[in-house]
Amino acid sequence: YIAALPPSAQAAASFRNNFPDARQTVLGNGQYDIAKAGTADV
């Protein structure tokens, strides 16, 4: 499971507090590479 979060430190901190073991990436505001190309199933 990977969570693509908005480009916000507050959003990242809030999500980490609730799901500390989940992997995070960023989507938005010029950042659109949410994972290594061709690696996600869904």
ModelCIF file with pLDDT and N, C-alpha, C, O atoms, coordinates in Angstrom:
data_MODEL
#
_entry.id   MODEL 
#
_entity.id                         1 
_entity.type                       polymer 
_entity.pdbx_number_of_molecules   1 
#
_entity_poly.entity_id                      1 
_entity_poly.type                           'polypeptide(L)' 
_entity_poly.nstd_linkage                   no 
_entity_poly.nstd_monomer                   no 
_entity_poly.pdbx_seq_one_letter_code       YIAALPPSAQAAASFRNNFPDARQTVLGNGQYDIAKAGTADV 
_entity_poly.pdbx_seq_one_letter_code_can   YIAALPPSAQAAASFRNNFPDARQTVLGNGQYDIAKAGTADV 
_entity_poly.pdbx_strand_id                 A 
#
loop_
_entity_poly_seq.entity_id 
_entity_poly_seq.num 
_entity_poly_seq.mon_id 
_entity_poly_seq.hetero 
1 1  TYR n 
1 2  ILE n 
1 3  ALA n 
1 4  ALA n 
1 5  LEU n 
1 6  PRO n 
1 7  PRO n 
1 8  SER n 
1 9  ALA n 
1 10 GLN n 
1 11 ALA n 
1 12 ALA n 
1 13 ALA n 
1 14 SER n 
1 15 PHE n 
1 16 ARG n 
1 17 ASN n 
1 18 ASN n 
1 19 PHE n 
1 20 PRO n 
1 21 ASP n 
1 22 ALA n 
1 23 ARG n 
1 24 GLN n 
1 25 THR n 
1 26 VAL n 
1 27 LEU n 
1 28 GLY n 
1 29 ASN n 
1 30 GLY n 
1 31 GLN n 
1 32 TYR n 
1 33 ASP n 
1 34 ILE n 
1 35 ALA n 
1 36 LYS n 
1 37 ALA n 
1 38 GLY n 
1 39 THR n 
1 40 ALA n 
1 41 ASP n 
1 42 VAL n 
#
_struct_asym.id          A 
_struct_asym.entity_id   1 
#
loop_
_ma_qa_metric.id 
_ma_qa_metric.mode 
_ma_qa_metric.name 
_ma_qa_metric.software_group_id 
_ma_qa_metric.type 
1 global pLDDT . pLDDT 
2 local  pLDDT . pLDDT 
#
_ma_qa_metric_global.metric_id      1 
_ma_qa_metric_global.metric_value   95.52 
_ma_qa_metric_global.model_id       1 
_ma_qa_metric_global.ordinal_id     1 
#
loop_
_ma_qa_metric_local.label_asym_id 
_ma_qa_metric_local.label_comp_id 
_ma_qa_metric_local.label_seq_id 
_ma_qa_metric_local.metric_id 
_ma_qa_metric_local.metric_value 
_ma_qa_metric_local.model_id 
_ma_qa_metric_local.ordinal_id 
A TYR 1  2 98.00 1 1  
A ILE 2  2 98.00 1 2  
A ALA 3  2 98.00 1 3  
A ALA 4  2 98.00 1 4  
A LEU 5  2 97.00 1 5  
A PRO 6  2 96.00 1 6  
A PRO 7  2 93.00 1 7  
A SER 8  2 91.00 1 8  
A ALA 9  2 91.00 1 9  
A GLN 10 2 91.00 1 10 
A ALA 11 2 90.00 1 11 
A ALA 12 2 90.00 1 12 
A ALA 13 2 93.00 1 13 
A SER 14 2 94.00 1 14 
A PHE 15 2 95.00 1 15 
A ARG 16 2 94.00 1 16 
A ASN 17 2 95.00 1 17 
A ASN 18 2 95.00 1 18 
A PHE 19 2 96.00 1 19 
A PRO 20 2 95.00 1 20 
A ASP 21 2 91.00 1 21 
A ALA 22 2 95.00 1 22 
A ARG 23 2 96.00 1 23 
A GLN 24 2 96.00 1 24 
A THR 25 2 97.00 1 25 
A VAL 26 2 97.00 1 26 
A LEU 27 2 97.00 1 27 
A GLY 28 2 96.00 1 28 
A ASN 29 2 93.00 1 29 
A GLY 30 2 95.00 1 30 
A GLN 31 2 96.00 1 31 
A TYR 32 2 98.00 1 32 
A ASP 33 2 97.00 1 33 
A ILE 34 2 98.00 1 34 
A ALA 35 2 97.00 1 35 
A LYS 36 2 97.00 1 36 
A ALA 37 2 98.00 1 37 
A GLY 38 2 98.00 1 38 
A THR 39 2 98.00 1 39 
A ALA 40 2 98.00 1 40 
A ASP 41 2 98.00 1 41 
A VAL 42 2 98.00 1 42 
#
loop_
_atom_site.group_PDB 
_atom_site.id 
_atom_site.type_symbol 
_atom_site.label_atom_id 
_atom_site.label_alt_id 
_atom_site.label_comp_id 
_atom_site.label_asym_id 
_atom_site.label_entity_id 
_atom_site.label_seq_id 
_atom_site.pdbx_PDB_ins_code 
_atom_site.Cartn_x 
_atom_site.Cartn_y 
_atom_site.Cartn_z 
_atom_site.occupancy 
_atom_site.B_iso_or_equiv 
_atom_site.pdbx_formal_charge 
_atom_site.auth_seq_id 
_atom_site.auth_comp_id 
_atom_site.auth_asym_id 
_atom_site.auth_atom_id 
_atom_site.pdbx_PDB_model_num 
ATOM 1   N N  . TYR A 1 1  ? 0.845  -1.186 0.000   1.00 98.00 ? 1  TYR A N  1 
ATOM 2   C CA . TYR A 1 1  ? 0.000  0.000  0.000   1.00 98.00 ? 1  TYR A CA 1 
ATOM 3   C C  . TYR A 1 1  ? 0.884  1.242  0.000   1.00 98.00 ? 1  TYR A C  1 
ATOM 4   O O  . TYR A 1 1  ? 1.835  1.344  0.776   1.00 98.00 ? 1  TYR A O  1 
ATOM 5   N N  . ILE A 1 2  ? 0.554  2.192  -0.890  1.00 98.00 ? 2  ILE A N  1 
ATOM 6   C CA . ILE A 1 2  ? 1.256  3.472  -0.959  1.00 98.00 ? 2  ILE A CA 1 
ATOM 7   C C  . ILE A 1 2  ? 0.211  4.579  -0.959  1.00 98.00 ? 2  ILE A C  1 
ATOM 8   O O  . ILE A 1 2  ? -0.769 4.512  -1.701  1.00 98.00 ? 2  ILE A O  1 
ATOM 9   N N  . ALA A 1 3  ? 0.417  5.589  -0.135  1.00 98.00 ? 3  ALA A N  1 
ATOM 10  C CA . ALA A 1 3  ? -0.473 6.751  -0.101  1.00 98.00 ? 3  ALA A CA 1 
ATOM 11  C C  . ALA A 1 3  ? 0.198  7.907  -0.828  1.00 98.00 ? 3  ALA A C  1 
ATOM 12  O O  . ALA A 1 3  ? 1.300  8.319  -0.465  1.00 98.00 ? 3  ALA A O  1 
ATOM 13  N N  . ALA A 1 4  ? -0.465 8.429  -1.851  1.00 98.00 ? 4  ALA A N  1 
ATOM 14  C CA . ALA A 1 4  ? 0.016  9.623  -2.540  1.00 98.00 ? 4  ALA A CA 1 
ATOM 15  C C  . ALA A 1 4  ? -0.704 10.824 -1.928  1.00 98.00 ? 4  ALA A C  1 
ATOM 16  O O  . ALA A 1 4  ? -1.904 11.005 -2.132  1.00 98.00 ? 4  ALA A O  1 
ATOM 17  N N  . LEU A 1 5  ? 0.032  11.637 -1.181  1.00 97.00 ? 5  LEU A N  1 
ATOM 18  C CA . LEU A 1 5  ? -0.561 12.722 -0.397  1.00 97.00 ? 5  LEU A CA 1 
ATOM 19  C C  . LEU A 1 5  ? -0.411 14.062 -1.098  1.00 97.00 ? 5  LEU A C  1 
ATOM 20  O O  . LEU A 1 5  ? 0.464  14.220 -1.949  1.00 97.00 ? 5  LEU A O  1 
ATOM 21  N N  . PRO A 1 6  ? -1.252 15.028 -0.750  1.00 96.00 ? 6  PRO A N  1 
ATOM 22  C CA . PRO A 1 6  ? -1.068 16.385 -1.274  1.00 96.00 ? 6  PRO A CA 1 
ATOM 23  C C  . PRO A 1 6  ? 0.278  16.948 -0.822  1.00 96.00 ? 6  PRO A C  1 
ATOM 24  O O  . PRO A 1 6  ? 0.812  16.520 0.201   1.00 96.00 ? 6  PRO A O  1 
ATOM 25  N N  . PRO A 1 7  ? 0.831  17.900 -1.573  1.00 93.00 ? 7  PRO A N  1 
ATOM 26  C CA . PRO A 1 7  ? 2.136  18.477 -1.205  1.00 93.00 ? 7  PRO A CA 1 
ATOM 27  C C  . PRO A 1 7  ? 2.015  19.430 -0.027  1.00 93.00 ? 7  PRO A C  1 
ATOM 28  O O  . PRO A 1 7  ? 2.162  20.644 -0.171  1.00 93.00 ? 7  PRO A O  1 
ATOM 29  N N  . SER A 1 8  ? 1.745  18.861 1.133   1.00 91.00 ? 8  SER A N  1 
ATOM 30  C CA . SER A 1 8  ? 1.525  19.647 2.340   1.00 91.00 ? 8  SER A CA 1 
ATOM 31  C C  . SER A 1 8  ? 2.159  18.931 3.524   1.00 91.00 ? 8  SER A C  1 
ATOM 32  O O  . SER A 1 8  ? 1.889  17.754 3.762   1.00 91.00 ? 8  SER A O  1 
ATOM 33  N N  . ALA A 1 9  ? 3.006  19.646 4.269   1.00 91.00 ? 9  ALA A N  1 
ATOM 34  C CA . ALA A 1 9  ? 3.633  19.044 5.448   1.00 91.00 ? 9  ALA A CA 1 
ATOM 35  C C  . ALA A 1 9  ? 2.580  18.664 6.477   1.00 91.00 ? 9  ALA A C  1 
ATOM 36  O O  . ALA A 1 9  ? 2.729  17.656 7.168   1.00 91.00 ? 9  ALA A O  1 
ATOM 37  N N  . GLN A 1 10 ? 1.517  19.455 6.589   1.00 91.00 ? 10 GLN A N  1 
ATOM 38  C CA . GLN A 1 10 ? 0.452  19.161 7.541   1.00 91.00 ? 10 GLN A CA 1 
ATOM 39  C C  . GLN A 1 10 ? -0.266 17.868 7.160   1.00 91.00 ? 10 GLN A C  1 
ATOM 40  O O  . GLN A 1 10 ? -0.552 17.039 8.024   1.00 91.00 ? 10 GLN A O  1 
ATOM 41  N N  . ALA A 1 11 ? -0.561 17.693 5.858   1.00 90.00 ? 11 ALA A N  1 
ATOM 42  C CA . ALA A 1 11 ? -1.230 16.476 5.400   1.00 90.00 ? 11 ALA A CA 1 
ATOM 43  C C  . ALA A 1 11 ? -0.357 15.254 5.655   1.00 90.00 ? 11 ALA A C  1 
ATOM 44  O O  . ALA A 1 11 ? -0.853 14.208 6.075   1.00 90.00 ? 11 ALA A O  1 
ATOM 45  N N  . ALA A 1 12 ? 0.942  15.386 5.400   1.00 90.00 ? 12 ALA A N  1 
ATOM 46  C CA . ALA A 1 12 ? 1.856  14.275 5.617   1.00 90.00 ? 12 ALA A CA 1 
ATOM 47  C C  . ALA A 1 12 ? 1.942  13.900 7.084   1.00 90.00 ? 12 ALA A C  1 
ATOM 48  O O  . ALA A 1 12 ? 1.948  12.719 7.431   1.00 90.00 ? 12 ALA A O  1 
ATOM 49  N N  . ALA A 1 13 ? 2.010  14.910 7.951   1.00 93.00 ? 13 ALA A N  1 
ATOM 50  C CA . ALA A 1 13 ? 2.111  14.649 9.387   1.00 93.00 ? 13 ALA A CA 1 
ATOM 51  C C  . ALA A 1 13 ? 0.847  14.013 9.927   1.00 93.00 ? 13 ALA A C  1 
ATOM 52  O O  . ALA A 1 13 ? 0.906  13.087 10.736  1.00 93.00 ? 13 ALA A O  1 
ATOM 53  N N  . SER A 1 14 ? -0.301 14.510 9.480   1.00 94.00 ? 14 SER A N  1 
ATOM 54  C CA . SER A 1 14 ? -1.578 13.961 9.936   1.00 94.00 ? 14 SER A CA 1 
ATOM 55  C C  . SER A 1 14 ? -1.722 12.512 9.508   1.00 94.00 ? 14 SER A C  1 
ATOM 56  O O  . SER A 1 14 ? -2.129 11.661 10.299  1.00 94.00 ? 14 SER A O  1 
ATOM 57  N N  . PHE A 1 15 ? -1.387 12.232 8.257   1.00 95.00 ? 15 PHE A N  1 
ATOM 58  C CA . PHE A 1 15 ? -1.498 10.862 7.766   1.00 95.00 ? 15 PHE A CA 1 
ATOM 59  C C  . PHE A 1 15 ? -0.524 9.952  8.511   1.00 95.00 ? 15 PHE A C  1 
ATOM 60  O O  . PHE A 1 15 ? -0.879 8.826  8.860   1.00 95.00 ? 15 PHE A O  1 
ATOM 61  N N  . ARG A 1 16 ? 0.686  10.420 8.756   1.00 94.00 ? 16 ARG A N  1 
ATOM 62  C CA . ARG A 1 16 ? 1.686  9.605  9.455   1.00 94.00 ? 16 ARG A CA 1 
ATOM 63  C C  . ARG A 1 16 ? 1.235  9.288  10.879  1.00 94.00 ? 16 ARG A C  1 
ATOM 64  O O  . ARG A 1 16 ? 1.492  8.193  11.380  1.00 94.00 ? 16 ARG A O  1 
ATOM 65  N N  . ASN A 1 17 ? 0.571  10.229 11.528  1.00 95.00 ? 17 ASN A N  1 
ATOM 66  C CA . ASN A 1 17 ? 0.072  9.984  12.878  1.00 95.00 ? 17 ASN A CA 1 
ATOM 67  C C  . ASN A 1 17 ? -0.963 8.865  12.895  1.00 95.00 ? 17 ASN A C  1 
ATOM 68  O O  . ASN A 1 17 ? -1.004 8.053  13.820  1.00 95.00 ? 17 ASN A O  1 
ATOM 69  N N  . ASN A 1 18 ? -1.795 8.835  11.863  1.00 95.00 ? 18 ASN A N  1 
ATOM 70  C CA . ASN A 1 18 ? -2.852 7.830  11.804  1.00 95.00 ? 18 ASN A CA 1 
ATOM 71  C C  . ASN A 1 18 ? -2.388 6.496  11.239  1.00 95.00 ? 18 ASN A C  1 
ATOM 72  O O  . ASN A 1 18 ? -2.892 5.442  11.624  1.00 95.00 ? 18 ASN A O  1 
ATOM 73  N N  . PHE A 1 19 ? -1.423 6.546  10.324  1.00 96.00 ? 19 PHE A N  1 
ATOM 74  C CA . PHE A 1 19 ? -0.936 5.333  9.652   1.00 96.00 ? 19 PHE A CA 1 
ATOM 75  C C  . PHE A 1 19 ? 0.586  5.372  9.592   1.00 96.00 ? 19 PHE A C  1 
ATOM 76  O O  . PHE A 1 19 ? 1.163  5.582  8.525   1.00 96.00 ? 19 PHE A O  1 
ATOM 77  N N  . PRO A 1 20 ? 1.234  5.172  10.728  1.00 95.00 ? 20 PRO A N  1 
ATOM 78  C CA . PRO A 1 20 ? 2.690  5.376  10.803  1.00 95.00 ? 20 PRO A CA 1 
ATOM 79  C C  . PRO A 1 20 ? 3.505  4.426  9.935   1.00 95.00 ? 20 PRO A C  1 
ATOM 80  O O  . PRO A 1 20 ? 4.636  4.750  9.573   1.00 95.00 ? 20 PRO A O  1 
ATOM 81  N N  . ASP A 1 21 ? 2.964  3.271  9.595   1.00 91.00 ? 21 ASP A N  1 
ATOM 82  C CA . ASP A 1 21 ? 3.738  2.297  8.825   1.00 91.00 ? 21 ASP A CA 1 
ATOM 83  C C  . ASP A 1 21 ? 3.489  2.356  7.325   1.00 91.00 ? 21 ASP A C  1 
ATOM 84  O O  . ASP A 1 21 ? 4.107  1.610  6.566   1.00 91.00 ? 21 ASP A O  1 
ATOM 85  N N  . ALA A 1 22 ? 2.597  3.229  6.890   1.00 95.00 ? 22 ALA A N  1 
ATOM 86  C CA . ALA A 1 22 ? 2.258  3.296  5.466   1.00 95.00 ? 22 ALA A CA 1 
ATOM 87  C C  . ALA A 1 22 ? 3.308  4.084  4.694   1.00 95.00 ? 22 ALA A C  1 
ATOM 88  O O  . ALA A 1 22 ? 3.786  5.122  5.152   1.00 95.00 ? 22 ALA A O  1 
ATOM 89  N N  . ARG A 1 23 ? 3.652  3.587  3.540   1.00 96.00 ? 23 ARG A N  1 
ATOM 90  C CA . ARG A 1 23 ? 4.585  4.305  2.683   1.00 96.00 ? 23 ARG A CA 1 
ATOM 91  C C  . ARG A 1 23 ? 3.890  5.514  2.070   1.00 96.00 ? 23 ARG A C  1 
ATOM 92  O O  . ARG A 1 23 ? 2.726  5.434  1.677   1.00 96.00 ? 23 ARG A O  1 
ATOM 93  N N  . GLN A 1 24 ? 4.611  6.644  1.988   1.00 96.00 ? 24 GLN A N  1 
ATOM 94  C CA . GLN A 1 24 ? 4.037  7.871  1.459   1.00 96.00 ? 24 GLN A CA 1 
ATOM 95  C C  . GLN A 1 24 ? 4.784  8.343  0.220   1.00 96.00 ? 24 GLN A C  1 
ATOM 96  O O  . GLN A 1 24 ? 5.993  8.150  0.092   1.00 96.00 ? 24 GLN A O  1 
ATOM 97  N N  . THR A 1 25 ? 4.044  8.961  -0.685  1.00 97.00 ? 25 THR A N  1 
ATOM 98  C CA . THR A 1 25 ? 4.606  9.695  -1.798  1.00 97.00 ? 25 THR A CA 1 
ATOM 99  C C  . THR A 1 25 ? 3.784  10.966 -1.943  1.00 97.00 ? 25 THR A C  1 
ATOM 100 O O  . THR A 1 25 ? 2.815  11.162 -1.210  1.00 97.00 ? 25 THR A O  1 
ATOM 101 N N  . VAL A 1 26 ? 4.156  11.828 -2.875  1.00 97.00 ? 26 VAL A N  1 
ATOM 102 C CA . VAL A 1 26 ? 3.503  13.133 -3.002  1.00 97.00 ? 26 VAL A CA 1 
ATOM 103 C C  . VAL A 1 26 ? 2.947  13.298 -4.404  1.00 97.00 ? 26 VAL A C  1 
ATOM 104 O O  . VAL A 1 26 ? 3.567  12.893 -5.387  1.00 97.00 ? 26 VAL A O  1 
ATOM 105 N N  . LEU A 1 27 ? 1.761  13.903 -4.481  1.00 97.00 ? 27 LEU A N  1 
ATOM 106 C CA . LEU A 1 27 ? 1.137  14.217 -5.765  1.00 97.00 ? 27 LEU A CA 1 
ATOM 107 C C  . LEU A 1 27 ? 0.588  15.631 -5.730  1.00 97.00 ? 27 LEU A C  1 
ATOM 108 O O  . LEU A 1 27 ? -0.164 16.003 -4.828  1.00 97.00 ? 27 LEU A O  1 
ATOM 109 N N  . GLY A 1 28 ? 0.982  16.422 -6.741  1.00 96.00 ? 28 GLY A N  1 
ATOM 110 C CA . GLY A 1 28 ? 0.419  17.758 -6.878  1.00 96.00 ? 28 GLY A CA 1 
ATOM 111 C C  . GLY A 1 28 ? 1.465  18.848 -6.869  1.00 96.00 ? 28 GLY A C  1 
ATOM 112 O O  . GLY A 1 28 ? 2.604  18.647 -6.447  1.00 96.00 ? 28 GLY A O  1 
ATOM 113 N N  . ASN A 1 29 ? 1.043  20.031 -7.356  1.00 93.00 ? 29 ASN A N  1 
ATOM 114 C CA . ASN A 1 29 ? 1.906  21.206 -7.351  1.00 93.00 ? 29 ASN A CA 1 
ATOM 115 C C  . ASN A 1 29 ? 3.256  20.926 -8.027  1.00 93.00 ? 29 ASN A C  1 
ATOM 116 O O  . ASN A 1 29 ? 4.311  21.265 -7.491  1.00 93.00 ? 29 ASN A O  1 
ATOM 117 N N  . GLY A 1 30 ? 3.204  20.312 -9.197  1.00 95.00 ? 30 GLY A N  1 
ATOM 118 C CA . GLY A 1 30 ? 4.413  20.034 -9.959  1.00 95.00 ? 30 GLY A CA 1 
ATOM 119 C C  . GLY A 1 30 ? 5.039  18.680 -9.697  1.00 95.00 ? 30 GLY A C  1 
ATOM 120 O O  . GLY A 1 30 ? 5.988  18.304 -10.385 1.00 95.00 ? 30 GLY A O  1 
ATOM 121 N N  . GLN A 1 31 ? 4.537  17.935 -8.723  1.00 96.00 ? 31 GLN A N  1 
ATOM 122 C CA . GLN A 1 31 ? 5.067  16.606 -8.415  1.00 96.00 ? 31 GLN A CA 1 
ATOM 123 C C  . GLN A 1 31 ? 4.024  15.547 -8.809  1.00 96.00 ? 31 GLN A C  1 
ATOM 124 O O  . GLN A 1 31 ? 2.989  15.393 -8.162  1.00 96.00 ? 31 GLN A O  1 
ATOM 125 N N  . TYR A 1 32 ? 4.337  14.835 -9.881  1.00 98.00 ? 32 TYR A N  1 
ATOM 126 C CA . TYR A 1 32 ? 3.364  13.883 -10.418 1.00 98.00 ? 32 TYR A CA 1 
ATOM 127 C C  . TYR A 1 32 ? 3.925  12.471 -10.559 1.00 98.00 ? 32 TYR A C  1 
ATOM 128 O O  . TYR A 1 32 ? 3.193  11.557 -10.938 1.00 98.00 ? 32 TYR A O  1 
ATOM 129 N N  . ASP A 1 33 ? 5.192  12.279 -10.267 1.00 97.00 ? 33 ASP A N  1 
ATOM 130 C CA . ASP A 1 33 ? 5.789  10.938 -10.316 1.00 97.00 ? 33 ASP A CA 1 
ATOM 131 C C  . ASP A 1 33 ? 5.526  10.249 -8.985  1.00 97.00 ? 33 ASP A C  1 
ATOM 132 O O  . ASP A 1 33 ? 6.325  10.360 -8.055  1.00 97.00 ? 33 ASP A O  1 
ATOM 133 N N  . ILE A 1 34 ? 4.415  9.542  -8.894  1.00 98.00 ? 34 ILE A N  1 
ATOM 134 C CA . ILE A 1 34 ? 3.994  8.983  -7.614  1.00 98.00 ? 34 ILE A CA 1 
ATOM 135 C C  . ILE A 1 34 ? 4.654  7.646  -7.301  1.00 98.00 ? 34 ILE A C  1 
ATOM 136 O O  . ILE A 1 34 ? 4.559  7.159  -6.174  1.00 98.00 ? 34 ILE A O  1 
ATOM 137 N N  . ALA A 1 35 ? 5.312  7.055  -8.273  1.00 97.00 ? 35 ALA A N  1 
ATOM 138 C CA . ALA A 1 35 ? 6.012  5.780  -8.059  1.00 97.00 ? 35 ALA A CA 1 
ATOM 139 C C  . ALA A 1 35 ? 6.972  5.577  -9.224  1.00 97.00 ? 35 ALA A C  1 
ATOM 140 O O  . ALA A 1 35 ? 6.884  6.252  -10.249 1.00 97.00 ? 35 ALA A O  1 
ATOM 141 N N  . LYS A 1 36 ? 7.881  4.641  -9.046  1.00 97.00 ? 36 LYS A N  1 
ATOM 142 C CA . LYS A 1 36 ? 8.754  4.272  -10.154 1.00 97.00 ? 36 LYS A CA 1 
ATOM 143 C C  . LYS A 1 36 ? 7.898  3.791  -11.312 1.00 97.00 ? 36 LYS A C  1 
ATOM 144 O O  . LYS A 1 36 ? 6.930  3.056  -11.120 1.00 97.00 ? 36 LYS A O  1 
ATOM 145 N N  . ALA A 1 37 ? 8.258  4.207  -12.500 1.00 98.00 ? 37 ALA A N  1 
ATOM 146 C CA . ALA A 1 37 ? 7.431  3.911  -13.676 1.00 98.00 ? 37 ALA A CA 1 
ATOM 147 C C  . ALA A 1 37 ? 7.175  2.414  -13.817 1.00 98.00 ? 37 ALA A C  1 
ATOM 148 O O  . ALA A 1 37 ? 8.087  1.596  -13.697 1.00 98.00 ? 37 ALA A O  1 
ATOM 149 N N  . GLY A 1 38 ? 5.918  2.077  -14.072 1.00 98.00 ? 38 GLY A N  1 
ATOM 150 C CA . GLY A 1 38 ? 5.546  0.699  -14.352 1.00 98.00 ? 38 GLY A CA 1 
ATOM 151 C C  . GLY A 1 38 ? 5.603  -0.251 -13.174 1.00 98.00 ? 38 GLY A C  1 
ATOM 152 O O  . GLY A 1 38 ? 5.870  -1.438 -13.363 1.00 98.00 ? 38 GLY A O  1 
ATOM 153 N N  . THR A 1 39 ? 5.360  0.232  -11.959 1.00 98.00 ? 39 THR A N  1 
ATOM 154 C CA . THR A 1 39 ? 5.478  -0.632 -10.782 1.00 98.00 ? 39 THR A CA 1 
ATOM 155 C C  . THR A 1 39 ? 4.160  -0.860 -10.036 1.00 98.00 ? 39 THR A C  1 
ATOM 156 O O  . THR A 1 39 ? 4.084  -1.765 -9.205  1.00 98.00 ? 39 THR A O  1 
ATOM 157 N N  . ALA A 1 40 ? 3.134  -0.071 -10.308 1.00 98.00 ? 40 ALA A N  1 
ATOM 158 C CA . ALA A 1 40 ? 1.860  -0.198 -9.581  1.00 98.00 ? 40 ALA A CA 1 
ATOM 159 C C  . ALA A 1 40 ? 0.879  -1.087 -10.340 1.00 98.00 ? 40 ALA A C  1 
ATOM 160 O O  . ALA A 1 40 ? 0.797  -1.038 -11.567 1.00 98.00 ? 40 ALA A O  1 
ATOM 161 N N  . ASP A 1 41 ? 0.145  -1.890 -9.598  1.00 98.00 ? 41 ASP A N  1 
ATOM 162 C CA . ASP A 1 41 ? -0.920 -2.701 -10.192 1.00 98.00 ? 41 ASP A CA 1 
ATOM 163 C C  . ASP A 1 41 ? -2.222 -1.935 -10.286 1.00 98.00 ? 41 ASP A C  1 
ATOM 164 O O  . ASP A 1 41 ? -2.976 -2.084 -11.248 1.00 98.00 ? 41 ASP A O  1 
ATOM 165 N N  . VAL A 1 42 ? -2.486 -1.103 -9.267  1.00 98.00 ? 42 VAL A N  1 
ATOM 166 C CA . VAL A 1 42 ? -3.755 -0.385 -9.197  1.00 98.00 ? 42 VAL A CA 1 
ATOM 167 C C  . VAL A 1 42 ? -3.506 1.012  -8.641  1.00 98.00 ? 42 VAL A C  1 
ATOM 168 O O  . VAL A 1 42 ? -4.446 1.795  -8.495  1.00 98.00 ? 42 VAL A O  1 
#
